[in-house]
Amino acid sequence: MSSATTSSSSPQKWELLGAICLERTPIIVPPMTEIEQQISEMIEKFDNMRSLKSNHELRHEEDKKLQKMAADGNQDDSNPDAATRQTAQDFEDACNEEFLKFKPAPRTTAEDLSGDQKSTNRKLDKHLLFVVQEKEKKVWKLPESRWREGETLRETAERALREYVKTPDTSVRVLGNAPWGVHTIKYPSSVRQKLGFTGVKVFFFKAQLLSSCTTCSDIEYNWLGREELRNSLEPEYLRSVSKFLIDED
């Protein structure tokens, strides 16, 4: 009886990276879609049909009663302020006059018009992602760094951000301790033998920008919207990132 010899392959060894997906969330509400506008109008119509009278409407009715009493000569002399008090119509006219003075800020900024992708003061109703360019490869990606022994992956991602952005702890909020996504790259056989790794796994952590930050002067960076990512990130990398991004459409 011949025995078959089996060779056990060594377990795969991966290079681990932590990356941070820093977002500037929308600052203003995006315009409603057609279906959202229709639903909003329908709900407002139902609310008006079923709602009780507001204090302002009750005040209008009270003013009409006082006016009718005055016209009939039955004015209440025990209330000397009745003739000089502000009526509901006076209050409404004053509010309308104040409203006409209000000029809303434009939805489009100077940075939108100039196409300045290094500014967060644009696309105010959209999400913007912070991306950086590798100096050697000229490749755009999220800030990333190699994992160090003793670190959690979140700490690796936070360190990656500090390598590119000078920001106080209160300016950025990291969301959770677990990765939101992962991007896997397998090395060719020749590279595996040289580096001793099967490939690299990039673990993504999400973070939100809470206030302004200063980027390091020696890096190339952009703040990009969803549609702009297609022109900068590699397709496979973008596919991995898009899996944990909120759909804006």
Foldseek 3Di string as FASTA:
>chain_A
DDDDDDDDDDDFFAWEKEFEWEKAAAPDADDDDPVRVVVVVVVVVVCVVPDDDDPLVVQQVVLVVQVVCVVVVNHDPVDVCNVPDQGSVNVVVVVVVVVVVDDDDDLADPCNVVVAQADPPGPNNFMWTKWWADPPPRAIDTQMDTDDPPDQSVVRNVVSVVVWWADDPVQKAWDDRAFLFKAWDADPPVVCVVVVHRTYIYTYTYMYGRDDIGTDPPIGMGTDGPVVVVVHHDPSNNVGVVVRDDDPD
